[in-house]
Amino acid sequence: EADRILNPVLEQNIHLYLLNRGLVITPFHNMMLVCPDTTADDVDRLV
């Protein structure tokens, strides 16, 4: 089921759009991690 809902074209559009705006998420799917140095402003900026 997880495989059937993947959309590589849409994913790559999202990843590049965010990268050009100073936001990096995992390139292979739509995973995002926060770390001890991440801030609430960082999160709001990603949303």
ModelCIF file with pLDDT and N, C-alpha, C, O atoms, coordinates in Angstrom:
data_MODEL
#
_entry.id   MODEL 
#
_entity.id                         1 
_entity.type                       polymer 
_entity.pdbx_number_of_molecules   1 
#
_entity_poly.entity_id                      1 
_entity_poly.type                           'polypeptide(L)' 
_entity_poly.nstd_linkage                   no 
_entity_poly.nstd_monomer                   no 
_entity_poly.pdbx_seq_one_letter_code       EADRILNPVLEQNIHLYLLNRGLVITPFHNMMLVCPDTTADDVDRLV 
_entity_poly.pdbx_seq_one_letter_code_can   EADRILNPVLEQNIHLYLLNRGLVITPFHNMMLVCPDTTADDVDRLV 
_entity_poly.pdbx_strand_id                 A 
#
loop_
_entity_poly_seq.entity_id 
_entity_poly_seq.num 
_entity_poly_seq.mon_id 
_entity_poly_seq.hetero 
1 1  GLU n 
1 2  ALA n 
1 3  ASP n 
1 4  ARG n 
1 5  ILE n 
1 6  LEU n 
1 7  ASN n 
1 8  PRO n 
1 9  VAL n 
1 10 LEU n 
1 11 GLU n 
1 12 GLN n 
1 13 ASN n 
1 14 ILE n 
1 15 HIS n 
1 16 LEU n 
1 17 TYR n 
1 18 LEU n 
1 19 LEU n 
1 20 ASN n 
1 21 ARG n 
1 22 GLY n 
1 23 LEU n 
1 24 VAL n 
1 25 ILE n 
1 26 THR n 
1 27 PRO n 
1 28 PHE n 
1 29 HIS n 
1 30 ASN n 
1 31 MET n 
1 32 MET n 
1 33 LEU n 
1 34 VAL n 
1 35 CYS n 
1 36 PRO n 
1 37 ASP n 
1 38 THR n 
1 39 THR n 
1 40 ALA n 
1 41 ASP n 
1 42 ASP n 
1 43 VAL n 
1 44 ASP n 
1 45 ARG n 
1 46 LEU n 
1 47 VAL n 
#
_struct_asym.id          A 
_struct_asym.entity_id   1 
#
loop_
_ma_qa_metric.id 
_ma_qa_metric.mode 
_ma_qa_metric.name 
_ma_qa_metric.software_group_id 
_ma_qa_metric.type 
1 global pLDDT . pLDDT 
2 local  pLDDT . pLDDT 
#
_ma_qa_metric_global.metric_id      1 
_ma_qa_metric_global.metric_value   95.85 
_ma_qa_metric_global.model_id       1 
_ma_qa_metric_global.ordinal_id     1 
#
loop_
_ma_qa_metric_local.label_asym_id 
_ma_qa_metric_local.label_comp_id 
_ma_qa_metric_local.label_seq_id 
_ma_qa_metric_local.metric_id 
_ma_qa_metric_local.metric_value 
_ma_qa_metric_local.model_id 
_ma_qa_metric_local.ordinal_id 
A GLU 1  2 96.00 1 1  
A ALA 2  2 96.00 1 2  
A ASP 3  2 94.00 1 3  
A ARG 4  2 94.00 1 4  
A ILE 5  2 94.00 1 5  
A LEU 6  2 93.00 1 6  
A ASN 7  2 93.00 1 7  
A PRO 8  2 92.00 1 8  
A VAL 9  2 92.00 1 9  
A LEU 10 2 95.00 1 10 
A GLU 11 2 95.00 1 11 
A GLN 12 2 94.00 1 12 
A ASN 13 2 96.00 1 13 
A ILE 14 2 97.00 1 14 
A HIS 15 2 97.00 1 15 
A LEU 16 2 98.00 1 16 
A TYR 17 2 98.00 1 17 
A LEU 18 2 98.00 1 18 
A LEU 19 2 98.00 1 19 
A ASN 20 2 98.00 1 20 
A ARG 21 2 98.00 1 21 
A GLY 22 2 98.00 1 22 
A LEU 23 2 98.00 1 23 
A VAL 24 2 98.00 1 24 
A ILE 25 2 97.00 1 25 
A THR 26 2 94.00 1 26 
A PRO 27 2 90.00 1 27 
A PHE 28 2 82.00 1 28 
A HIS 29 2 84.00 1 29 
A ASN 30 2 94.00 1 30 
A MET 31 2 96.00 1 31 
A MET 32 2 98.00 1 32 
A LEU 33 2 98.00 1 33 
A VAL 34 2 98.00 1 34 
A CYS 35 2 98.00 1 35 
A PRO 36 2 98.00 1 36 
A ASP 37 2 98.00 1 37 
A THR 38 2 98.00 1 38 
A THR 39 2 98.00 1 39 
A ALA 40 2 98.00 1 40 
A ASP 41 2 98.00 1 41 
A ASP 42 2 98.00 1 42 
A VAL 43 2 98.00 1 43 
A ASP 44 2 98.00 1 44 
A ARG 45 2 98.00 1 45 
A LEU 46 2 98.00 1 46 
A VAL 47 2 98.00 1 47 
#
loop_
_atom_site.group_PDB 
_atom_site.id 
_atom_site.type_symbol 
_atom_site.label_atom_id 
_atom_site.label_alt_id 
_atom_site.label_comp_id 
_atom_site.label_asym_id 
_atom_site.label_entity_id 
_atom_site.label_seq_id 
_atom_site.pdbx_PDB_ins_code 
_atom_site.Cartn_x 
_atom_site.Cartn_y 
_atom_site.Cartn_z 
_atom_site.occupancy 
_atom_site.B_iso_or_equiv 
_atom_site.pdbx_formal_charge 
_atom_site.auth_seq_id 
_atom_site.auth_comp_id 
_atom_site.auth_asym_id 
_atom_site.auth_atom_id 
_atom_site.pdbx_PDB_model_num 
ATOM 1   N N  . GLU A 1 1  ? 0.830  -1.201 0.000  1.00 96.00 ? 1  GLU A N  1 
ATOM 2   C CA . GLU A 1 1  ? 0.000  0.000  0.000  1.00 96.00 ? 1  GLU A CA 1 
ATOM 3   C C  . GLU A 1 1  ? 0.867  1.255  0.000  1.00 96.00 ? 1  GLU A C  1 
ATOM 4   O O  . GLU A 1 1  ? 0.559  2.224  -0.695 1.00 96.00 ? 1  GLU A O  1 
ATOM 5   N N  . ALA A 1 2  ? 1.940  1.242  0.769  1.00 96.00 ? 2  ALA A N  1 
ATOM 6   C CA . ALA A 1 2  ? 2.834  2.402  0.809  1.00 96.00 ? 2  ALA A CA 1 
ATOM 7   C C  . ALA A 1 2  ? 3.476  2.652  -0.542 1.00 96.00 ? 2  ALA A C  1 
ATOM 8   O O  . ALA A 1 2  ? 3.637  3.801  -0.954 1.00 96.00 ? 2  ALA A O  1 
ATOM 9   N N  . ASP A 1 3  ? 3.840  1.591  -1.228 1.00 94.00 ? 3  ASP A N  1 
ATOM 10  C CA . ASP A 1 3  ? 4.460  1.722  -2.546 1.00 94.00 ? 3  ASP A CA 1 
ATOM 11  C C  . ASP A 1 3  ? 3.494  2.324  -3.566 1.00 94.00 ? 3  ASP A C  1 
ATOM 12  O O  . ASP A 1 3  ? 3.893  3.139  -4.397 1.00 94.00 ? 3  ASP A O  1 
ATOM 13  N N  . ARG A 1 4  ? 2.235  1.924  -3.500 1.00 94.00 ? 4  ARG A N  1 
ATOM 14  C CA . ARG A 1 4  ? 1.262  2.399  -4.494 1.00 94.00 ? 4  ARG A CA 1 
ATOM 15  C C  . ARG A 1 4  ? 0.986  3.888  -4.386 1.00 94.00 ? 4  ARG A C  1 
ATOM 16  O O  . ARG A 1 4  ? 0.583  4.505  -5.372 1.00 94.00 ? 4  ARG A O  1 
ATOM 17  N N  . ILE A 1 5  ? 1.191  4.485  -3.216 1.00 94.00 ? 5  ILE A N  1 
ATOM 18  C CA . ILE A 1 5  ? 0.869  5.905  -3.070 1.00 94.00 ? 5  ILE A CA 1 
ATOM 19  C C  . ILE A 1 5  ? 2.061  6.816  -3.329 1.00 94.00 ? 5  ILE A C  1 
ATOM 20  O O  . ILE A 1 5  ? 1.924  8.038  -3.284 1.00 94.00 ? 5  ILE A O  1 
ATOM 21  N N  . LEU A 1 6  ? 3.226  6.241  -3.601 1.00 93.00 ? 6  LEU A N  1 
ATOM 22  C CA . LEU A 1 6  ? 4.386  7.071  -3.923 1.00 93.00 ? 6  LEU A CA 1 
ATOM 23  C C  . LEU A 1 6  ? 4.162  7.791  -5.244 1.00 93.00 ? 6  LEU A C  1 
ATOM 24  O O  . LEU A 1 6  ? 3.570  7.235  -6.169 1.00 93.00 ? 6  LEU A O  1 
ATOM 25  N N  . ASN A 1 7  ? 4.633  9.017  -5.327 1.00 93.00 ? 7  ASN A N  1 
ATOM 26  C CA . ASN A 1 7  ? 4.539  9.812  -6.551 1.00 93.00 ? 7  ASN A CA 1 
ATOM 27  C C  . ASN A 1 7  ? 5.864  10.539 -6.729 1.00 93.00 ? 7  ASN A C  1 
ATOM 28  O O  . ASN A 1 7  ? 5.992  11.688 -6.304 1.00 93.00 ? 7  ASN A O  1 
ATOM 29  N N  . PRO A 1 8  ? 6.863  9.893  -7.354 1.00 92.00 ? 8  PRO A N  1 
ATOM 30  C CA . PRO A 1 8  ? 8.200  10.481 -7.449 1.00 92.00 ? 8  PRO A CA 1 
ATOM 31  C C  . PRO A 1 8  ? 8.235  11.863 -8.092 1.00 92.00 ? 8  PRO A C  1 
ATOM 32  O O  . PRO A 1 8  ? 9.019  12.716 -7.676 1.00 92.00 ? 8  PRO A O  1 
ATOM 33  N N  . VAL A 1 9  ? 7.396  12.095 -9.101 1.00 92.00 ? 9  VAL A N  1 
ATOM 34  C CA . VAL A 1 9  ? 7.400  13.396 -9.762 1.00 92.00 ? 9  VAL A CA 1 
ATOM 35  C C  . VAL A 1 9  ? 6.963  14.492 -8.798 1.00 92.00 ? 9  VAL A C  1 
ATOM 36  O O  . VAL A 1 9  ? 7.599  15.543 -8.721 1.00 92.00 ? 9  VAL A O  1 
ATOM 37  N N  . LEU A 1 10 ? 5.888  14.252 -8.067 1.00 95.00 ? 10 LEU A N  1 
ATOM 38  C CA . LEU A 1 10 ? 5.420  15.231 -7.095 1.00 95.00 ? 10 LEU A CA 1 
ATOM 39  C C  . LEU A 1 10 ? 6.441  15.404 -5.973 1.00 95.00 ? 10 LEU A C  1 
ATOM 40  O O  . LEU A 1 10 ? 6.714  16.529 -5.552 1.00 95.00 ? 10 LEU A O  1 
ATOM 41  N N  . GLU A 1 11 ? 7.002  14.306 -5.489 1.00 95.00 ? 11 GLU A N  1 
ATOM 42  C CA . GLU A 1 11 ? 8.003  14.392 -4.427 1.00 95.00 ? 11 GLU A CA 1 
ATOM 43  C C  . GLU A 1 11 ? 9.187  15.257 -4.854 1.00 95.00 ? 11 GLU A C  1 
ATOM 44  O O  . GLU A 1 11 ? 9.624  16.126 -4.101 1.00 95.00 ? 11 GLU A O  1 
ATOM 45  N N  . GLN A 1 12 ? 9.705  15.022 -6.058 1.00 94.00 ? 12 GLN A N  1 
ATOM 46  C CA . GLN A 1 12 ? 10.870 15.786 -6.500 1.00 94.00 ? 12 GLN A CA 1 
ATOM 47  C C  . GLN A 1 12 ? 10.548 17.261 -6.676 1.00 94.00 ? 12 GLN A C  1 
ATOM 48  O O  . GLN A 1 12 ? 11.388 18.118 -6.406 1.00 94.00 ? 12 GLN A O  1 
ATOM 49  N N  . ASN A 1 13 ? 9.342  17.559 -7.125 1.00 96.00 ? 13 ASN A N  1 
ATOM 50  C CA . ASN A 1 13 ? 8.932  18.960 -7.205 1.00 96.00 ? 13 ASN A CA 1 
ATOM 51  C C  . ASN A 1 13 ? 8.948  19.613 -5.828 1.00 96.00 ? 13 ASN A C  1 
ATOM 52  O O  . ASN A 1 13 ? 9.443  20.728 -5.665 1.00 96.00 ? 13 ASN A O  1 
ATOM 53  N N  . ILE A 1 14 ? 8.405  18.910 -4.844 1.00 97.00 ? 14 ILE A N  1 
ATOM 54  C CA . ILE A 1 14 ? 8.362  19.449 -3.482 1.00 97.00 ? 14 ILE A CA 1 
ATOM 55  C C  . ILE A 1 14 ? 9.768  19.660 -2.942 1.00 97.00 ? 14 ILE A C  1 
ATOM 56  O O  . ILE A 1 14 ? 10.074 20.719 -2.394 1.00 97.00 ? 14 ILE A O  1 
ATOM 57  N N  . HIS A 1 15 ? 10.623 18.652 -3.095 1.00 97.00 ? 15 HIS A N  1 
ATOM 58  C CA . HIS A 1 15 ? 11.969 18.728 -2.523 1.00 97.00 ? 15 HIS A CA 1 
ATOM 59  C C  . HIS A 1 15 ? 12.771 19.886 -3.119 1.00 97.00 ? 15 HIS A C  1 
ATOM 60  O O  . HIS A 1 15 ? 13.452 20.608 -2.392 1.00 97.00 ? 15 HIS A O  1 
ATOM 61  N N  . LEU A 1 16 ? 12.693 20.063 -4.435 1.00 98.00 ? 16 LEU A N  1 
ATOM 62  C CA . LEU A 1 16 ? 13.450 21.132 -5.083 1.00 98.00 ? 16 LEU A CA 1 
ATOM 63  C C  . LEU A 1 16 ? 12.884 22.499 -4.719 1.00 98.00 ? 16 LEU A C  1 
ATOM 64  O O  . LEU A 1 16 ? 13.639 23.443 -4.483 1.00 98.00 ? 16 LEU A O  1 
ATOM 65  N N  . TYR A 1 17 ? 11.569 22.608 -4.672 1.00 98.00 ? 17 TYR A N  1 
ATOM 66  C CA . TYR A 1 17 ? 10.916 23.873 -4.298 1.00 98.00 ? 17 TYR A CA 1 
ATOM 67  C C  . TYR A 1 17 ? 11.370 24.296 -2.901 1.00 98.00 ? 17 TYR A C  1 
ATOM 68  O O  . TYR A 1 17 ? 11.728 25.454 -2.689 1.00 98.00 ? 17 TYR A O  1 
ATOM 69  N N  . LEU A 1 18 ? 11.356 23.372 -1.961 1.00 98.00 ? 18 LEU A N  1 
ATOM 70  C CA . LEU A 1 18 ? 11.774 23.692 -0.597 1.00 98.00 ? 18 LEU A CA 1 
ATOM 71  C C  . LEU A 1 18 ? 13.260 24.025 -0.540 1.00 98.00 ? 18 LEU A C  1 
ATOM 72  O O  . LEU A 1 18 ? 13.655 24.972 0.139  1.00 98.00 ? 18 LEU A O  1 
ATOM 73  N N  . LEU A 1 19 ? 14.088 23.255 -1.247 1.00 98.00 ? 19 LEU A N  1 
ATOM 74  C CA . LEU A 1 19 ? 15.523 23.503 -1.240 1.00 98.00 ? 19 LEU A CA 1 
ATOM 75  C C  . LEU A 1 19 ? 15.843 24.914 -1.717 1.00 98.00 ? 19 LEU A C  1 
ATOM 76  O O  . LEU A 1 19 ? 16.702 25.586 -1.146 1.00 98.00 ? 19 LEU A O  1 
ATOM 77  N N  . ASN A 1 20 ? 15.164 25.356 -2.747 1.00 98.00 ? 20 ASN A N  1 
ATOM 78  C CA . ASN A 1 20 ? 15.395 26.702 -3.263 1.00 98.00 ? 20 ASN A CA 1 
ATOM 79  C C  . ASN A 1 20 ? 14.968 27.784 -2.287 1.00 98.00 ? 20 ASN A C  1 
ATOM 80  O O  . ASN A 1 20 ? 15.284 28.958 -2.477 1.00 98.00 ? 20 ASN A O  1 
ATOM 81  N N  . ARG A 1 21 ? 14.256 27.394 -1.250 1.00 98.00 ? 21 ARG A N  1 
ATOM 82  C CA . ARG A 1 21 ? 13.815 28.347 -0.227 1.00 98.00 ? 21 ARG A CA 1 
ATOM 83  C C  . ARG A 1 21 ? 14.486 28.078 1.118  1.00 98.00 ? 21 ARG A C  1 
ATOM 84  O O  . ARG A 1 21 ? 14.001 28.493 2.170  1.00 98.00 ? 21 ARG A O  1 
ATOM 85  N N  . GLY A 1 22 ? 15.621 27.368 1.053  1.00 98.00 ? 22 GLY A N  1 
ATOM 86  C CA . GLY A 1 22 ? 16.431 27.175 2.244  1.00 98.00 ? 22 GLY A CA 1 
ATOM 87  C C  . GLY A 1 22 ? 15.918 26.118 3.199  1.00 98.00 ? 22 GLY A C  1 
ATOM 88  O O  . GLY A 1 22 ? 16.172 26.197 4.401  1.00 98.00 ? 22 GLY A O  1 
ATOM 89  N N  . LEU A 1 23 ? 15.190 25.115 2.680  1.00 98.00 ? 23 LEU A N  1 
ATOM 90  C CA . LEU A 1 23 ? 14.611 24.063 3.508  1.00 98.00 ? 23 LEU A CA 1 
ATOM 91  C C  . LEU A 1 23 ? 14.962 22.703 2.894  1.00 98.00 ? 23 LEU A C  1 
ATOM 92  O O  . LEU A 1 23 ? 14.689 22.468 1.717  1.00 98.00 ? 23 LEU A O  1 
ATOM 93  N N  . VAL A 1 24 ? 15.557 21.822 3.673  1.00 98.00 ? 24 VAL A N  1 
ATOM 94  C CA . VAL A 1 24 ? 16.004 20.522 3.163  1.00 98.00 ? 24 VAL A CA 1 
ATOM 95  C C  . VAL A 1 24 ? 15.231 19.414 3.862  1.00 98.00 ? 24 VAL A C  1 
ATOM 96  O O  . VAL A 1 24 ? 15.238 19.325 5.090  1.00 98.00 ? 24 VAL A O  1 
ATOM 97  N N  . ILE A 1 25 ? 14.556 18.563 3.073  1.00 97.00 ? 25 ILE A N  1 
ATOM 98  C CA . ILE A 1 25 ? 13.961 17.347 3.619  1.00 97.00 ? 25 ILE A CA 1 
ATOM 99  C C  . ILE A 1 25 ? 14.573 16.153 2.893  1.00 97.00 ? 25 ILE A C  1 
ATOM 100 O O  . ILE A 1 25 ? 15.255 16.323 1.882  1.00 97.00 ? 25 ILE A O  1 
ATOM 101 N N  . THR A 1 26 ? 14.332 14.952 3.401  1.00 94.00 ? 26 THR A N  1 
ATOM 102 C CA . THR A 1 26 ? 14.962 13.757 2.842  1.00 94.00 ? 26 THR A CA 1 
ATOM 103 C C  . THR A 1 26 ? 14.552 13.579 1.384  1.00 94.00 ? 26 THR A C  1 
ATOM 104 O O  . THR A 1 26 ? 13.364 13.674 1.076  1.00 94.00 ? 26 THR A O  1 
ATOM 105 N N  . PRO A 1 27 ? 15.491 13.326 0.482  1.00 90.00 ? 27 PRO A N  1 
ATOM 106 C CA . PRO A 1 27 ? 15.187 13.325 -0.950 1.00 90.00 ? 27 PRO A CA 1 
ATOM 107 C C  . PRO A 1 27 ? 14.444 12.102 -1.452 1.00 90.00 ? 27 PRO A C  1 
ATOM 108 O O  . PRO A 1 27 ? 13.807 12.164 -2.503 1.00 90.00 ? 27 PRO A O  1 
ATOM 109 N N  . PHE A 1 28 ? 14.508 10.985 -0.725 1.00 82.00 ? 28 PHE A N  1 
ATOM 110 C CA . PHE A 1 28 ? 13.988 9.738  -1.271 1.00 82.00 ? 28 PHE A CA 1 
ATOM 111 C C  . PHE A 1 28 ? 12.497 9.556  -1.036 1.00 82.00 ? 28 PHE A C  1 
ATOM 112 O O  . PHE A 1 28 ? 11.850 8.787  -1.748 1.00 82.00 ? 28 PHE A O  1 
ATOM 113 N N  . HIS A 1 29 ? 11.944 10.246 -0.053 1.00 84.00 ? 29 HIS A N  1 
ATOM 114 C CA . HIS A 1 29 ? 10.501 10.264 0.165  1.00 84.00 ? 29 HIS A CA 1 
ATOM 115 C C  . HIS A 1 29 ? 10.231 11.542 0.947  1.00 84.00 ? 29 HIS A C  1 
ATOM 116 O O  . HIS A 1 29 ? 11.005 12.491 0.823  1.00 84.00 ? 29 HIS A O  1 
ATOM 117 N N  . ASN A 1 30 ? 9.191  11.610 1.730  1.00 94.00 ? 30 ASN A N  1 
ATOM 118 C CA . ASN A 1 30 ? 8.816  12.885 2.344  1.00 94.00 ? 30 ASN A CA 1 
ATOM 119 C C  . ASN A 1 30 ? 9.037  12.887 3.852  1.00 94.00 ? 30 ASN A C  1 
ATOM 120 O O  . ASN A 1 30 ? 8.190  13.347 4.616  1.00 94.00 ? 30 ASN A O  1 
ATOM 121 N N  . MET A 1 31 ? 10.186 12.366 4.265  1.00 96.00 ? 31 MET A N  1 
ATOM 122 C CA . MET A 1 31 ? 10.502 12.276 5.681  1.00 96.00 ? 31 MET A CA 1 
ATOM 123 C C  . MET A 1 31 ? 11.192 13.534 6.170  1.00 96.00 ? 31 MET A C  1 
ATOM 124 O O  . MET A 1 31 ? 12.007 14.131 5.467  1.00 96.00 ? 31 MET A O  1 
ATOM 125 N N  . MET A 1 32 ? 10.847 13.926 7.400  1.00 98.00 ? 32 MET A N  1 
ATOM 126 C CA . MET A 1 32 ? 11.438 15.099 8.033  1.00 98.00 ? 32 MET A CA 1 
ATOM 127 C C  . MET A 1 32 ? 11.797 14.765 9.470  1.00 98.00 ? 32 MET A C  1 
ATOM 128 O O  . MET A 1 32 ? 11.011 14.146 10.187 1.00 98.00 ? 32 MET A O  1 
ATOM 129 N N  . LEU A 1 33 ? 12.982 15.176 9.888  1.00 98.00 ? 33 LEU A N  1 
ATOM 130 C CA . LEU A 1 33 ? 13.434 15.000 11.261 1.00 98.00 ? 33 LEU A CA 1 
ATOM 131 C C  . LEU A 1 33 ? 13.698 16.353 11.898 1.00 98.00 ? 33 LEU A C  1 
ATOM 132 O O  . LEU A 1 33 ? 14.090 17.303 11.220 1.00 98.00 ? 33 LEU A O  1 
ATOM 133 N N  . VAL A 1 34 ? 13.483 16.435 13.190 1.00 98.00 ? 34 VAL A N  1 
ATOM 134 C CA . VAL A 1 34 ? 13.938 17.595 13.956 1.00 98.00 ? 34 VAL A CA 1 
ATOM 135 C C  . VAL A 1 34 ? 15.038 17.127 14.901 1.00 98.00 ? 34 VAL A C  1 
ATOM 136 O O  . VAL A 1 34 ? 15.073 15.958 15.286 1.00 98.00 ? 34 VAL A O  1 
ATOM 137 N N  . CYS A 1 35 ? 15.924 18.027 15.271 1.00 98.00 ? 35 CYS A N  1 
ATOM 138 C CA . CYS A 1 35 ? 17.049 17.695 16.145 1.00 98.00 ? 35 CYS A CA 1 
ATOM 139 C C  . CYS A 1 35 ? 17.039 18.632 17.345 1.00 98.00 ? 35 CYS A C  1 
ATOM 140 O O  . CYS A 1 35 ? 16.208 19.540 17.395 1.00 98.00 ? 35 CYS A O  1 
ATOM 141 N N  . PRO A 1 36 ? 17.927 18.446 18.307 1.00 98.00 ? 36 PRO A N  1 
ATOM 142 C CA . PRO A 1 36 ? 17.924 19.327 19.477 1.00 98.00 ? 36 PRO A CA 1 
ATOM 143 C C  . PRO A 1 36 ? 18.147 20.796 19.152 1.00 98.00 ? 36 PRO A C  1 
ATOM 144 O O  . PRO A 1 36 ? 17.798 21.661 19.955 1.00 98.00 ? 36 PRO A O  1 
ATOM 145 N N  . ASP A 1 37 ? 18.723 21.096 17.989 1.00 98.00 ? 37 ASP A N  1 
ATOM 146 C CA . ASP A 1 37 ? 18.979 22.491 17.611 1.00 98.00 ? 37 ASP A CA 1 
ATOM 147 C C  . ASP A 1 37 ? 17.859 23.098 16.764 1.00 98.00 ? 37 ASP A C  1 
ATOM 148 O O  . ASP A 1 37 ? 17.877 24.299 16.496 1.00 98.00 ? 37 ASP A O  1 
ATOM 149 N N  . THR A 1 38 ? 16.899 22.297 16.344 1.00 98.00 ? 38 THR A N  1 
ATOM 150 C CA . THR A 1 38 ? 15.775 22.815 15.570 1.00 98.00 ? 38 THR A CA 1 
ATOM 151 C C  . THR A 1 38 ? 14.929 23.721 16.463 1.00 98.00 ? 38 THR A C  1 
ATOM 152 O O  . THR A 1 38 ? 14.758 23.451 17.652 1.00 98.00 ? 38 THR A O  1 
ATOM 153 N N  . THR A 1 39 ? 14.405 24.794 15.879 1.00 98.00 ? 39 THR A N  1 
ATOM 154 C CA . THR A 1 39 ? 13.580 25.738 16.637 1.00 98.00 ? 39 THR A CA 1 
ATOM 155 C C  . THR A 1 39 ? 12.142 25.713 16.143 1.00 98.00 ? 39 THR A C  1 
ATOM 156 O O  . THR A 1 39 ? 11.848 25.186 15.070 1.00 98.00 ? 39 THR A O  1 
ATOM 157 N N  . ALA A 1 40 ? 11.248 26.294 16.946 1.00 98.00 ? 40 ALA A N  1 
ATOM 158 C CA . ALA A 1 40 ? 9.855  26.414 16.535 1.00 98.00 ? 40 ALA A CA 1 
ATOM 159 C C  . ALA A 1 40 ? 9.744  27.259 15.269 1.00 98.00 ? 40 ALA A C  1 
ATOM 160 O O  . ALA A 1 40 ? 8.915  26.972 14.405 1.00 98.00 ? 40 ALA A O  1 
ATOM 161 N N  . ASP A 1 41 ? 10.562 28.287 15.153 1.00 98.00 ? 41 ASP A N  1 
ATOM 162 C CA . ASP A 1 41 ? 10.550 29.109 13.937 1.00 98.00 ? 41 ASP A CA 1 
ATOM 163 C C  . ASP A 1 41 ? 10.963 28.287 12.719 1.00 98.00 ? 41 ASP A C  1 
ATOM 164 O O  . ASP A 1 41 ? 10.409 28.468 11.635 1.00 98.00 ? 41 ASP A O  1 
ATOM 165 N N  . ASP A 1 42 ? 11.931 27.386 12.889 1.00 98.00 ? 42 ASP A N  1 
ATOM 166 C CA . ASP A 1 42 ? 12.332 26.512 11.781 1.00 98.00 ? 42 ASP A CA 1 
ATOM 167 C C  . ASP A 1 42 ? 11.151 25.671 11.314 1.00 98.00 ? 42 ASP A C  1 
ATOM 168 O O  . ASP A 1 42 ? 10.900 25.544 10.115 1.00 98.00 ? 42 ASP A O  1 
ATOM 169 N N  . VAL A 1 43 ? 10.436 25.102 12.267 1.00 98.00 ? 43 VAL A N  1 
ATOM 170 C CA . VAL A 1 43 ? 9.284  24.265 11.945 1.00 98.00 ? 43 VAL A CA 1 
ATOM 171 C C  . VAL A 1 43 ? 8.211  25.073 11.233 1.00 98.00 ? 43 VAL A C  1 
ATOM 172 O O  . VAL A 1 43 ? 7.674  24.633 10.217 1.00 98.00 ? 43 VAL A O  1 
ATOM 173 N N  . ASP A 1 44 ? 7.900  26.237 11.753 1.00 98.00 ? 44 ASP A N  1 
ATOM 174 C CA . ASP A 1 44 ? 6.868  27.071 11.134 1.00 98.00 ? 44 ASP A CA 1 
ATOM 175 C C  . ASP A 1 44 ? 7.270  27.487 9.725  1.00 98.00 ? 44 ASP A C  1 
ATOM 176 O O  . ASP A 1 44 ? 6.427  27.610 8.837  1.00 98.00 ? 44 ASP A O  1 
ATOM 177 N N  . ARG A 1 45 ? 8.550  27.700 9.534  1.00 98.00 ? 45 ARG A N  1 
ATOM 178 C CA . ARG A 1 45 ? 9.042  28.057 8.200  1.00 98.00 ? 45 ARG A CA 1 
ATOM 179 C C  . ARG A 1 45 ? 8.851  26.902 7.217  1.00 98.00 ? 45 ARG A C  1 
ATOM 180 O O  . ARG A 1 45 ? 8.513  27.127 6.055  1.00 98.00 ? 45 ARG A O  1 
ATOM 181 N N  . LEU A 1 46 ? 9.067  25.666 7.676  1.00 98.00 ? 46 LEU A N  1 
ATOM 182 C CA . LEU A 1 46 ? 8.857  24.512 6.802  1.00 98.00 ? 46 LEU A CA 1 
ATOM 183 C C  . LEU A 1 46 ? 7.380  24.356 6.444  1.00 98.00 ? 46 LEU A C  1 
ATOM 184 O O  . LEU A 1 46 ? 7.047  24.102 5.287  1.00 98.00 ? 46 LEU A O  1 
ATOM 185 N N  . VAL A 1 47 ? 6.507  24.506 7.416  1.00 98.00 ? 47 VAL A N  1 
ATOM 186 C CA . VAL A 1 47 ? 5.068  24.410 7.137  1.00 98.00 ? 47 VAL A CA 1 
ATOM 187 C C  . VAL A 1 47 ? 4.656  25.496 6.144  1.00 98.00 ? 47 VAL A C  1 
ATOM 188 O O  . VAL A 1 47 ? 3.484  25.586 5.779  1.00 98.00 ? 47 VAL A O  1 
#
